[in-house]
Amino acid sequence: MSTTPDVLDGWELGEFSAAGLTRPIYRRGTGPAVIVIHEIPGITPLVTEFANEVVDRGFTVVMPSLAGVPGKAPSAPYAMQQMAKVCIAREFTTFALNQTSPIIAWLRALARNVHQEVGGPGVGAVGMCFSGGFALGMMVDDIMLAPVLSQPSLPFAVGRQRGADLNLSPDDAAAIAERASAGCQVLGLRFTGDKLVGDRFASLRELLGDAFIAIELPSAKATDHSVLTEQRDEASVTRVLDFFAEKLLA
């Protein structure tokens, strides 16, 4: 897999295998683990910039590469190409209802592996766009203490049902609701006009109750989508970094 070296300077490249999947991972930092899961089209310069800020707050950050060329800047043709690949990849349930994407099992194993190595009270994770709900699925494990969902967009919001679906099996949803009732909070972020998010924030409120912390930003334009990267909101970035610190460094 080719990459853009200067964007990922200081990051150690490796790979991780679990649940029948093997994917490249980039790692940097010290302290409790935070898994930063990129959006479409891949690990872009702005995704890496955000991940570097998480490192600077005192965390071991692991970035899996699930699509695209690590370090490559986004463009419309590149995003469309990677979107098409995600749609047919077996590890993502992009349209099915009430199913947990197979990649979640791999991410849970990755989080357990890093946590066992670096220690701390638990781990955090942030997903964006197609990966926006992945940290929610990772809550099945008790070590997930700081799940962040940025513009969660799976399954793709084609129709009302898919726009409200949380990409969870019934069993996983029940386990996550139990963890929320026991006090595990979930931070969610979106632009209010983002059609890709659909009605998921209503579903999250129903599933998680008061444990769901929603940050909903007024859309300046119809294309506003990526809260932490391409249409970065500084206050939201700070809130995510503080959330990780509150849950994992206190």
C-alpha atoms as a PDB file:
ATOM      1  CA  MET A   1       0.000   0.000   0.000  1.00  0.00           C
ATOM      2  CA  SER A   2       1.546   3.299  -1.072  1.00  0.00           C
ATOM      3  CA  THR A   3       1.432   6.311   1.216  1.00  0.00           C
ATOM      4  CA  THR A   4       2.455   9.955   1.530  1.00  0.00           C
ATOM      5  CA  PRO A   5       5.393   9.821   3.973  1.00  0.00           C
ATOM      6  CA  ASP A   6       5.440  13.442   5.193  1.00  0.00           C
ATOM      7  CA  VAL A   7       1.794  13.314   6.314  1.00  0.00           C
ATOM      8  CA  LEU A   8       2.472  10.267   8.495  1.00  0.00           C
ATOM      9  CA  ASP A   9       5.915  11.231   9.783  1.00  0.00           C
ATOM     10  CA  GLY A  10       6.406   9.802  13.260  1.00  0.00           C
ATOM     11  CA  TRP A  11       3.765   7.106  12.839  1.00  0.00           C
ATOM     12  CA  GLU A  12       4.812   3.453  13.067  1.00  0.00           C
ATOM     13  CA  LEU A  13       3.295   1.234  10.372  1.00  0.00           C
ATOM     14  CA  GLY A  14       2.276  -2.303  11.256  1.00  0.00           C
ATOM     15  CA  GLU A  15      -0.645  -4.649  10.720  1.00  0.00           C
ATOM     16  CA  PHE A  16      -3.116  -6.461  12.907  1.00  0.00           C
ATOM     17  CA  SER A  17      -4.995  -9.690  12.311  1.00  0.00           C
ATOM     18  CA  ALA A  18      -8.155 -10.867  14.068  1.00  0.00           C
ATOM     19  CA  ALA A  19     -11.649 -12.150  13.258  1.00  0.00           C
ATOM     20  CA  GLY A  20     -10.463 -13.371   9.856  1.00  0.00           C
ATOM     21  CA  LEU A  21      -9.269  -9.899   8.803  1.00  0.00           C
ATOM     22  CA  THR A  22      -5.840  -8.311   8.465  1.00  0.00           C
ATOM     23  CA  ARG A  23      -5.491  -4.547   8.088  1.00  0.00           C
ATOM     24  CA  PRO A  24      -2.619  -2.013   8.224  1.00  0.00           C
ATOM     25  CA  ILE A  25      -2.419   0.112  11.357  1.00  0.00           C
ATOM     26  CA  TYR A  26      -0.532   3.305  12.179  1.00  0.00           C
ATOM     27  CA  ARG A  27       0.532   3.920  15.766  1.00  0.00           C
ATOM     28  CA  ARG A  28       2.004   6.835  17.686  1.00  0.00           C
ATOM     29  CA  GLY A  29       2.157   8.162  21.247  1.00  0.00           C
ATOM     30  CA  THR A  30       2.083   6.953  24.836  1.00  0.00           C
ATOM     31  CA  GLY A  31      -0.639   6.602  27.439  1.00  0.00           C
ATOM     32  CA  PRO A  32      -4.075   4.945  27.325  1.00  0.00           C
ATOM     33  CA  ALA A  33      -5.249   3.740  23.925  1.00  0.00           C
ATOM     34  CA  VAL A  34      -7.531   5.640  21.562  1.00  0.00           C
ATOM     35  CA  ILE A  35      -8.540   4.094  18.234  1.00  0.00           C
ATOM     36  CA  VAL A  36      -9.049   6.766  15.534  1.00  0.00           C
ATOM     37  CA  ILE A  37     -11.084   5.336  12.659  1.00  0.00           C
ATOM     38  CA  HIS A  38     -10.978   7.382   9.476  1.00  0.00           C
ATOM     39  CA  GLU A  39     -13.808   8.484   7.221  1.00  0.00           C
ATOM     40  CA  ILE A  40     -14.108   8.059   3.466  1.00  0.00           C
ATOM     41  CA  PRO A  41     -11.825   8.205   1.508  1.00  0.00           C
ATOM     42  CA  GLY A  42      -9.162   7.131   4.026  1.00  0.00           C
ATOM     43  CA  ILE A  43      -6.442   8.401   6.363  1.00  0.00           C
ATOM     44  CA  THR A  44      -6.280  11.910   4.912  1.00  0.00           C
ATOM     45  CA  PRO A  45      -3.970  14.723   6.076  1.00  0.00           C
ATOM     46  CA  LEU A  46      -6.769  16.229   8.197  1.00  0.00           C
ATOM     47  CA  VAL A  47      -7.623  12.884   9.808  1.00  0.00           C
ATOM     48  CA  THR A  48      -3.930  12.561  10.675  1.00  0.00           C
ATOM     49  CA  GLU A  49      -3.855  16.117  12.013  1.00  0.00           C
ATOM     50  CA  PHE A  50      -6.720  15.302  14.367  1.00  0.00           C
ATOM     51  CA  ALA A  51      -5.033  12.030  15.414  1.00  0.00           C
ATOM     52  CA  ASN A  52      -1.824  13.928  16.189  1.00  0.00           C
ATOM     53  CA  GLU A  53      -3.802  16.199  18.501  1.00  0.00           C
ATOM     54  CA  VAL A  54      -5.101  13.130  20.348  1.00  0.00           C
ATOM     55  CA  VAL A  55      -1.492  11.924  20.707  1.00  0.00           C
ATOM     56  CA  ASP A  56      -0.488  15.327  22.083  1.00  0.00           C
ATOM     57  CA  ARG A  57      -3.139  15.061  24.811  1.00  0.00           C
ATOM     58  CA  GLY A  58      -1.363  12.007  26.211  1.00  0.00           C
ATOM     59  CA  PHE A  59      -2.663   8.956  24.369  1.00  0.00           C
ATOM     60  CA  THR A  60      -1.414   5.987  22.380  1.00  0.00           C
ATOM     61  CA  VAL A  61      -3.308   6.409  19.111  1.00  0.00           C
ATOM     62  CA  VAL A  62      -3.856   3.603  16.636  1.00  0.00           C
ATOM     63  CA  MET A  63      -5.286   4.436  13.204  1.00  0.00           C
ATOM     64  CA  PRO A  64      -6.480   1.447  11.181  1.00  0.00           C
ATOM     65  CA  SER A  65      -6.392   1.846   7.403  1.00  0.00           C
ATOM     66  CA  LEU A  66      -9.701   0.441   6.149  1.00  0.00           C
ATOM     67  CA  ALA A  67      -9.861   2.147   2.734  1.00  0.00           C
ATOM     68  CA  GLY A  68      -7.867   4.406   0.450  1.00  0.00           C
ATOM     69  CA  VAL A  69      -4.202   5.378   0.358  1.00  0.00           C
ATOM     70  CA  PRO A  70      -2.867   6.528   3.749  1.00  0.00           C
ATOM     71  CA  GLY A  71      -1.819  10.172   3.643  1.00  0.00           C
ATOM     72  CA  LYS A  72      -3.555  10.987   0.348  1.00  0.00           C
ATOM     73  CA  ALA A  73      -5.593  14.201   0.237  1.00  0.00           C
ATOM     74  CA  PRO A  74      -9.313  13.877  -0.546  1.00  0.00           C
ATOM     75  CA  SER A  75     -10.935  14.739  -3.865  1.00  0.00           C
ATOM     76  CA  ALA A  76     -14.384  14.042  -5.289  1.00  0.00           C
ATOM     77  CA  PRO A  77     -13.241  11.268  -7.689  1.00  0.00           C
ATOM     78  CA  TYR A  78     -11.088   9.656  -4.985  1.00  0.00           C
ATOM     79  CA  ALA A  79     -13.977   9.740  -2.480  1.00  0.00           C
ATOM     80  CA  MET A  80     -16.394   8.227  -5.002  1.00  0.00           C
ATOM     81  CA  GLN A  81     -13.934   5.457  -5.818  1.00  0.00           C
ATOM     82  CA  GLN A  82     -13.472   4.536  -2.160  1.00  0.00           C
ATOM     83  CA  MET A  83     -17.191   4.810  -1.453  1.00  0.00           C
ATOM     84  CA  ALA A  84     -17.822   2.221  -4.153  1.00  0.00           C
ATOM     85  CA  LYS A  85     -15.238  -0.105  -2.607  1.00  0.00           C
ATOM     86  CA  VAL A  86     -16.741   0.276   0.867  1.00  0.00           C
ATOM     87  CA  CYS A  87     -20.203  -0.530  -0.500  1.00  0.00           C
ATOM     88  CA  ILE A  88     -19.121  -3.963  -1.715  1.00  0.00           C
ATOM     89  CA  ALA A  89     -16.605  -4.838   1.023  1.00  0.00           C
ATOM     90  CA  ARG A  90     -17.820  -7.761   3.125  1.00  0.00           C
ATOM     91  CA  GLU A  91     -16.605  -6.267   6.410  1.00  0.00           C
ATOM     92  CA  PHE A  92     -19.062  -3.362   6.285  1.00  0.00           C
ATOM     93  CA  THR A  93     -22.853  -3.718   6.410  1.00  0.00           C
ATOM     94  CA  THR A  94     -23.583  -0.656   4.326  1.00  0.00           C
ATOM     95  CA  PHE A  95     -27.283  -1.241   3.652  1.00  0.00           C
ATOM     96  CA  ALA A  96     -28.499  -4.122   5.853  1.00  0.00           C
ATOM     97  CA  LEU A  97     -30.688  -3.306   8.862  1.00  0.00           C
ATOM     98  CA  ASN A  98     -30.132  -4.474  12.450  1.00  0.00           C
ATOM     99  CA  GLN A  99     -26.696  -5.941  11.806  1.00  0.00           C
ATOM    100  CA  THR A 100     -23.315  -5.210  13.342  1.00  0.00           C
ATOM    101  CA  SER A 101     -20.583  -4.768  10.729  1.00  0.00           C
ATOM    102  CA  PRO A 102     -18.027  -7.624  10.823  1.00  0.00           C
ATOM    103  CA  ILE A 103     -15.220  -5.042  11.121  1.00  0.00           C
ATOM    104  CA  ILE A 104     -16.413  -4.343  14.686  1.00  0.00           C
ATOM    105  CA  ALA A 105     -15.095  -7.710  15.877  1.00  0.00           C
ATOM    106  CA  TRP A 106     -11.697  -6.798  14.414  1.00  0.00           C
ATOM    107  CA  LEU A 107     -11.761  -3.340  16.041  1.00  0.00           C
ATOM    108  CA  ARG A 108     -12.725  -4.799  19.420  1.00  0.00           C
ATOM    109  CA  ALA A 109      -9.796  -7.224  19.211  1.00  0.00           C
ATOM    110  CA  LEU A 110      -7.462  -4.383  18.225  1.00  0.00           C
ATOM    111  CA  ALA A 111      -8.601  -2.288  21.187  1.00  0.00           C
ATOM    112  CA  ARG A 112      -8.136  -5.212  23.597  1.00  0.00           C
ATOM    113  CA  ASN A 113      -4.667  -5.902  22.212  1.00  0.00           C
ATOM    114  CA  VAL A 114      -3.442  -2.313  22.570  1.00  0.00           C
ATOM    115  CA  HIS A 115      -5.075  -1.886  25.981  1.00  0.00           C
ATOM    116  CA  GLN A 116      -3.365  -5.015  27.283  1.00  0.00           C
ATOM    117  CA  GLU A 117      -0.035  -3.547  26.200  1.00  0.00           C
ATOM    118  CA  VAL A 118      -0.366   0.091  27.330  1.00  0.00           C
ATOM    119  CA  GLY A 119      -2.712  -0.256  30.313  1.00  0.00           C
ATOM    120  CA  GLY A 120      -4.862   2.496  31.748  1.00  0.00           C
ATOM    121  CA  PRO A 121      -8.481   2.408  32.893  1.00  0.00           C
ATOM    122  CA  GLY A 122      -9.777   1.537  29.422  1.00  0.00           C
ATOM    123  CA  VAL A 123      -9.789   2.689  25.817  1.00  0.00           C
ATOM    124  CA  GLY A 124     -11.460   5.323  23.684  1.00  0.00           C
ATOM    125  CA  ALA A 125     -12.447   5.331  20.030  1.00  0.00           C
ATOM    126  CA  VAL A 126     -13.749   7.790  17.484  1.00  0.00           C
ATOM    127  CA  GLY A 127     -15.344   6.935  14.158  1.00  0.00           C
ATOM    128  CA  MET A 128     -16.239   9.327  11.364  1.00  0.00           C
ATOM    129  CA  CYS A 129     -18.773   9.083   8.535  1.00  0.00           C
ATOM    130  CA  PHE A 130     -19.045   5.416   7.421  1.00  0.00           C
ATOM    131  CA  SER A 131     -17.087   4.455  10.564  1.00  0.00           C
ATOM    132  CA  GLY A 132     -18.998   6.919  12.751  1.00  0.00           C
ATOM    133  CA  GLY A 133     -20.958   4.236  14.586  1.00  0.00           C
ATOM    134  CA  PHE A 134     -18.106   1.764  15.004  1.00  0.00           C
ATOM    135  CA  ALA A 135     -17.159   3.021  18.483  1.00  0.00           C
ATOM    136  CA  LEU A 136     -20.745   2.300  19.541  1.00  0.00           C
ATOM    137  CA  GLY A 137     -20.399  -1.335  18.487  1.00  0.00           C
ATOM    138  CA  MET A 138     -17.119  -1.509  20.400  1.00  0.00           C
ATOM    139  CA  MET A 139     -19.032  -0.652  23.609  1.00  0.00           C
ATOM    140  CA  VAL A 140     -19.969  -4.318  23.919  1.00  0.00           C
ATOM    141  CA  ASP A 141     -16.588  -4.639  25.660  1.00  0.00           C
ATOM    142  CA  ASP A 142     -16.263  -3.151  29.161  1.00  0.00           C
ATOM    143  CA  ILE A 143     -12.875  -1.624  28.336  1.00  0.00           C
ATOM    144  CA  MET A 144     -14.540   0.865  25.957  1.00  0.00           C
ATOM    145  CA  LEU A 145     -14.958   3.905  28.198  1.00  0.00           C
ATOM    146  CA  ALA A 146     -14.924   6.803  25.723  1.00  0.00           C
ATOM    147  CA  PRO A 147     -16.871   6.114  22.505  1.00  0.00           C
ATOM    148  CA  VAL A 148     -17.212   9.053  20.093  1.00  0.00           C
ATOM    149  CA  LEU A 149     -19.528   8.971  17.068  1.00  0.00           C
ATOM    150  CA  SER A 150     -18.851  11.697  14.510  1.00  0.00           C
ATOM    151  CA  GLN A 151     -21.491  11.980  11.759  1.00  0.00           C
ATOM    152  CA  PRO A 152     -22.402   8.237  11.888  1.00  0.00           C
ATOM    153  CA  SER A 153     -23.556   7.232   8.393  1.00  0.00           C
ATOM    154  CA  LEU A 154     -24.006   3.435   8.265  1.00  0.00           C
ATOM    155  CA  PRO A 155     -26.115   1.865   7.012  1.00  0.00           C
ATOM    156  CA  PHE A 156     -26.312   4.447   4.249  1.00  0.00           C
ATOM    157  CA  ALA A 157     -29.468   6.484   4.743  1.00  0.00           C
ATOM    158  CA  VAL A 158     -31.484   5.247   1.769  1.00  0.00           C
ATOM    159  CA  GLY A 159     -34.996   5.443   3.177  1.00  0.00           C
ATOM    160  CA  ARG A 160     -36.263   6.260   6.658  1.00  0.00           C
ATOM    161  CA  GLN A 161     -35.509   2.892   8.254  1.00  0.00           C
ATOM    162  CA  ARG A 162     -31.870   2.865   7.206  1.00  0.00           C
ATOM    163  CA  GLY A 163     -31.490   6.502   8.214  1.00  0.00           C
ATOM    164  CA  ALA A 164     -32.511   5.586  11.764  1.00  0.00           C
ATOM    165  CA  ASP A 165     -30.631   2.266  12.017  1.00  0.00           C
ATOM    166  CA  LEU A 166     -27.589   2.133  14.331  1.00  0.00           C
ATOM    167  CA  ASN A 167     -25.693  -0.661  12.555  1.00  0.00           C
ATOM    168  CA  LEU A 168     -26.168  -2.973  15.545  1.00  0.00           C
ATOM    169  CA  SER A 169     -27.555  -6.468  15.977  1.00  0.00           C
ATOM    170  CA  PRO A 170     -30.337  -6.757  18.575  1.00  0.00           C
ATOM    171  CA  ASP A 171     -27.999  -8.558  21.003  1.00  0.00           C
ATOM    172  CA  ASP A 172     -25.299  -5.892  20.670  1.00  0.00           C
ATOM    173  CA  ALA A 173     -27.860  -3.114  21.051  1.00  0.00           C
ATOM    174  CA  ALA A 174     -29.112  -4.701  24.280  1.00  0.00           C
ATOM    175  CA  ALA A 175     -25.571  -5.021  25.667  1.00  0.00           C
ATOM    176  CA  ILE A 176     -24.797  -1.409  24.783  1.00  0.00           C
ATOM    177  CA  ALA A 177     -28.019  -0.143  26.360  1.00  0.00           C
ATOM    178  CA  GLU A 178     -27.070  -1.991  29.548  1.00  0.00           C
ATOM    179  CA  ARG A 179     -23.645  -0.372  29.601  1.00  0.00           C
ATOM    180  CA  ALA A 180     -25.205   3.053  29.043  1.00  0.00           C
ATOM    181  CA  SER A 181     -27.624   2.496  31.935  1.00  0.00           C
ATOM    182  CA  ALA A 182     -24.596   1.619  34.076  1.00  0.00           C
ATOM    183  CA  GLY A 183     -23.030   5.009  33.300  1.00  0.00           C
ATOM    184  CA  CYS A 184     -20.938   4.677  30.138  1.00  0.00           C
ATOM    185  CA  GLN A 185     -21.479   7.914  28.195  1.00  0.00           C
ATOM    186  CA  VAL A 186     -21.378   8.272  24.421  1.00  0.00           C
ATOM    187  CA  LEU A 187     -20.433  11.509  22.648  1.00  0.00           C
ATOM    188  CA  GLY A 188     -22.045  12.176  19.261  1.00  0.00           C
ATOM    189  CA  LEU A 189     -21.390  14.976  16.787  1.00  0.00           C
ATOM    190  CA  ARG A 190     -23.112  16.069  13.597  1.00  0.00           C
ATOM    191  CA  PHE A 191     -24.176  19.027  11.470  1.00  0.00           C
ATOM    192  CA  THR A 192     -27.943  19.432  11.673  1.00  0.00           C
ATOM    193  CA  GLY A 193     -28.429  19.467   7.886  1.00  0.00           C
ATOM    194  CA  ASP A 194     -26.306  16.383   7.208  1.00  0.00           C
ATOM    195  CA  LYS A 195     -28.617  13.966   5.384  1.00  0.00           C
ATOM    196  CA  LEU A 196     -26.064  11.151   5.624  1.00  0.00           C
ATOM    197  CA  VAL A 197     -26.642  10.958   9.381  1.00  0.00           C
ATOM    198  CA  GLY A 198     -30.377  10.526   8.871  1.00  0.00           C
ATOM    199  CA  ASP A 199     -32.390  10.233  12.092  1.00  0.00           C
ATOM    200  CA  ARG A 200     -29.749   8.301  14.020  1.00  0.00           C
ATOM    201  CA  PHE A 201     -29.431  10.840  16.801  1.00  0.00           C
ATOM    202  CA  ALA A 202     -33.077  10.169  17.709  1.00  0.00           C
ATOM    203  CA  SER A 203     -32.283   6.436  17.731  1.00  0.00           C
ATOM    204  CA  LEU A 204     -29.229   7.053  19.915  1.00  0.00           C
ATOM    205  CA  ARG A 205     -31.293   9.035  22.402  1.00  0.00           C
ATOM    206  CA  GLU A 206     -33.810   6.204  22.545  1.00  0.00           C
ATOM    207  CA  LEU A 207     -31.149   3.521  23.033  1.00  0.00           C
ATOM    208  CA  LEU A 208     -28.821   5.380  25.399  1.00  0.00           C
ATOM    209  CA  GLY A 209     -31.053   7.840  27.239  1.00  0.00           C
ATOM    210  CA  ASP A 210     -29.191  10.426  29.304  1.00  0.00           C
ATOM    211  CA  ALA A 211     -25.883   8.681  28.569  1.00  0.00           C
ATOM    212  CA  PHE A 212     -25.931  10.161  25.060  1.00  0.00           C
ATOM    213  CA  ILE A 213     -24.188  13.545  24.804  1.00  0.00           C
ATOM    214  CA  ALA A 214     -25.198  15.160  21.516  1.00  0.00           C
ATOM    215  CA  ILE A 215     -23.314  17.989  19.839  1.00  0.00           C
ATOM    216  CA  GLU A 216     -25.452  19.255  16.963  1.00  0.00           C
ATOM    217  CA  LEU A 217     -23.981  22.088  14.925  1.00  0.00           C
ATOM    218  CA  PRO A 218     -26.012  24.362  12.642  1.00  0.00           C
ATOM    219  CA  SER A 219     -25.120  23.658   9.014  1.00  0.00           C
ATOM    220  CA  ALA A 220     -23.681  26.650   7.163  1.00  0.00           C
ATOM    221  CA  LYS A 221     -24.106  24.830   3.843  1.00  0.00           C
ATOM    222  CA  ALA A 222     -25.638  21.611   2.595  1.00  0.00           C
ATOM    223  CA  THR A 223     -22.253  19.913   2.212  1.00  0.00           C
ATOM    224  CA  ASP A 224     -21.221  20.313   5.860  1.00  0.00           C
ATOM    225  CA  HIS A 225     -20.401  16.812   7.081  1.00  0.00           C
ATOM    226  CA  SER A 226     -16.971  16.158   8.625  1.00  0.00           C
ATOM    227  CA  VAL A 227     -17.108  17.782  12.065  1.00  0.00           C
ATOM    228  CA  LEU A 228     -13.530  16.940  13.086  1.00  0.00           C
ATOM    229  CA  THR A 229     -11.731  17.227   9.730  1.00  0.00           C
ATOM    230  CA  GLU A 230     -12.849  18.749   6.425  1.00  0.00           C
ATOM    231  CA  GLN A 231     -15.432  21.120   7.950  1.00  0.00           C
ATOM    232  CA  ARG A 232     -13.625  21.154  11.281  1.00  0.00           C
ATOM    233  CA  ASP A 233     -15.352  22.790  14.220  1.00  0.00           C
ATOM    234  CA  GLU A 234     -12.700  23.826  16.742  1.00  0.00           C
ATOM    235  CA  ALA A 235     -14.978  23.701  19.789  1.00  0.00           C
ATOM    236  CA  SER A 236     -16.061  20.173  18.853  1.00  0.00           C
ATOM    237  CA  VAL A 237     -12.464  18.996  18.468  1.00  0.00           C
ATOM    238  CA  THR A 238     -11.714  20.389  21.915  1.00  0.00           C
ATOM    239  CA  ARG A 239     -14.785  18.664  23.357  1.00  0.00           C
ATOM    240  CA  VAL A 240     -13.692  15.299  21.946  1.00  0.00           C
ATOM    241  CA  LEU A 241     -10.158  15.696  23.326  1.00  0.00           C
ATOM    242  CA  ASP A 242     -11.571  16.686  26.721  1.00  0.00           C
ATOM    243  CA  PHE A 243     -13.949  13.701  26.655  1.00  0.00           C
ATOM    244  CA  PHE A 244     -11.037  11.317  26.141  1.00  0.00           C
ATOM    245  CA  ALA A 245      -9.126  13.011  28.966  1.00  0.00           C
ATOM    246  CA  GLU A 246     -12.103  12.909  31.345  1.00  0.00           C
ATOM    247  CA  LYS A 247     -12.711   9.218  30.784  1.00  0.00           C
ATOM    248  CA  LEU A 248      -9.173   7.885  30.393  1.00  0.00           C
ATOM    249  CA  LEU A 249      -6.727  10.190  32.182  1.00  0.00           C
ATOM    250  CA  ALA A 250      -8.596  11.140  35.376  1.00  0.00           C
END
